[in-house]
Amino acid sequence: MKRFGFLAGVCAVSVLALSACAQTGEKDLAPSVSPSVEKAPADPVSIATDAAPYRSITDHTLVANGQAISYRAIAGDTWLRDMEGNPTASIFSFTYLRTDVQDENRPVVFVFNGGPGSASIWIHMGAIGPRRVVLDADVNPSNVPPFGLEDNPNSILDVADLVFIDPVGTGFSVPPNGTDPKRFWGVDEDAEAVAQFIELWLSEHGRWNSPKYVLGESYGSIRAAVLPRALMGGPIYTGLMRGITLDGIILLGTTLDARQTGGEVPVAELAAKQARSLPGIAATSAFHGLVEMPAGGVVEVYDAATAYAREMYEPALRAHLDGTLSAEARAGVLRDLSRLTGLPESAIGEDLYIDERSYAKAALQARGLEIGMYDSRYTLPLANSGGDPVADDPAMTRYVPGFVAAFHQMIRNDLNVSLGRPYASIRWRELLFGWNWTRAGVAEGQSYATDLAWAMRRNPDLRVMVASGYYDLVTTPADARASIAAARLPEDRVTFTDYASGHMLYLGGTSEAFSADLRAFLEK
């Protein structure tokens, strides 16, 4: 199939998250709020190292999972420091603590998105935070205001306290003037900074004996996989012993494969990777009516395509790459692929491979539409695209404005946050394109799933939840399962959950189901 060029690195690890509960109706239901702490003045250009950390503390109520909840919101800076006590950076976070239940051993979930270069706004406003964005449609919403903001009945604040973390360089998190921010912009560097933040947060709030979880989306799944090593510490990796263990790790939009650094990919590995593109494409074709959606819905489509990919498609691709595939076998596979995807055989081509980005442009070409990579239920006109892999993606360009607007409305009106510096929802230029992928004490090309395997060996009680969306063509459920299987994680401690949604798997009617699964994981 003809390939369309794109920024593969962006699409492999880019991170946004959006609301699964977009709905019409009242645009804003203001929460009860009472500011309770004065805020330190903010320098609009940089952070003064001699100033007190910025804090805004407010109290609220919420009905979540059918329970009336009182909670405190703490928005502000936490200073990171070197071993001599000198400030190195400020991480801005949003902490939500339930106040009508007094339990120092209550679970706490540390949450972040990915990028690298993204703030935590997407999970914050779309999934489990106490407030959420309201869009005017579950799929293909308007991307012009007014946008809504309301209490989130699917928040997990009933069972766990929440801490949304914006890594250095994202959100309001910045180093002090004169500090090179690149010291935080790398796999190991970023994990070390987030680990230090978690350590400081536990001390500040007296929560060392609380069950601890981390939840990361997209590149955040890499951060979550690497964090256990930084949290525990040791002489080889950090040179510092923190001794912090986790009860659970939650991965959303999982991407754990090592970053490609060139060289030939073995035929068997390449064939397996190519075959894993089929289930998501088949599900998308069924959604858009290119093939019939069966009675069992997207689950039936996805499972059938997965079985075919494993039993027939992957061996055929391997034979094709080896040059041993017969003409008769090739013709049979082409017929099968056309039946599963609704694409004509001529559009698939003799190489038998349907890559997701080419499919997104070709599948609805007759209707003049392009399909979204981050959520393949979304569409935009095929013509006049600027070619940007994010700004021109049919899903990203539709839901981002609503998330950003609702977030800024919330922090101003509900949380009383007022700072003289902009909030960097996603910062690509410096972070993504200058990211240090070199790691310490790790074999070159090692999967990040191996870090999870190490962590689960060191901690026999550590459990992992892997959540994916059937309509995610960027970080697919099939790829997530393959990475986990290759690292041979203990099967009895890994939970897989899939949803009829996209990269932001809690968008478009799946938020309640995701929250219920996450709540069950935390309470196990």
Foldseek 3Di string as FASTA:
>chain_A
DDDDDADLLQLQFAWFFAAADAADDDFEDAWDKDWDDDFWAFDLPFGDQPTDKGWIKMKTWAAAPNDIWIKMKIWIWDFDADPVRGTWKIKTKIKIATDVDDDLQFEEEEEAEPSVFFFRLRCCAHFAHQKHKHFHALFLTALDDDIGMYGDRLHLNVRYIYMGIGFENFFPIHTGPPHDSQCCFALLSVLLRVLSVVLVVCVVVVNQNYAYEYEYARNGLLSQLQNQDNNQDDCFAPNDGNNRAHLEYEYFLDRFFADDDDDDDDLLVVLLVQLLLFLLLLLLLCLVVLAPADPVGSVVLSVVSVVCSVPQRSVQLSCVVVVNHDPVSQVVLLVVSCNSRSDHSVLCDSSNGDADQSCQLPVCVVVQWGAAQQFRSFIDGSPPAPSHNQCRGRRNVRGVSSSVVNVVCCCVPHRVDDHSYGGHRGDCPCRVVVGHHDHTPDDPRDTSLLSNQVSCVVPVSYAYEYEYESNNNSRHPSNVVVSNVVNPHPPVRYHYYYAPTGSNRNGHNCNNVVSVVVSVVSVD
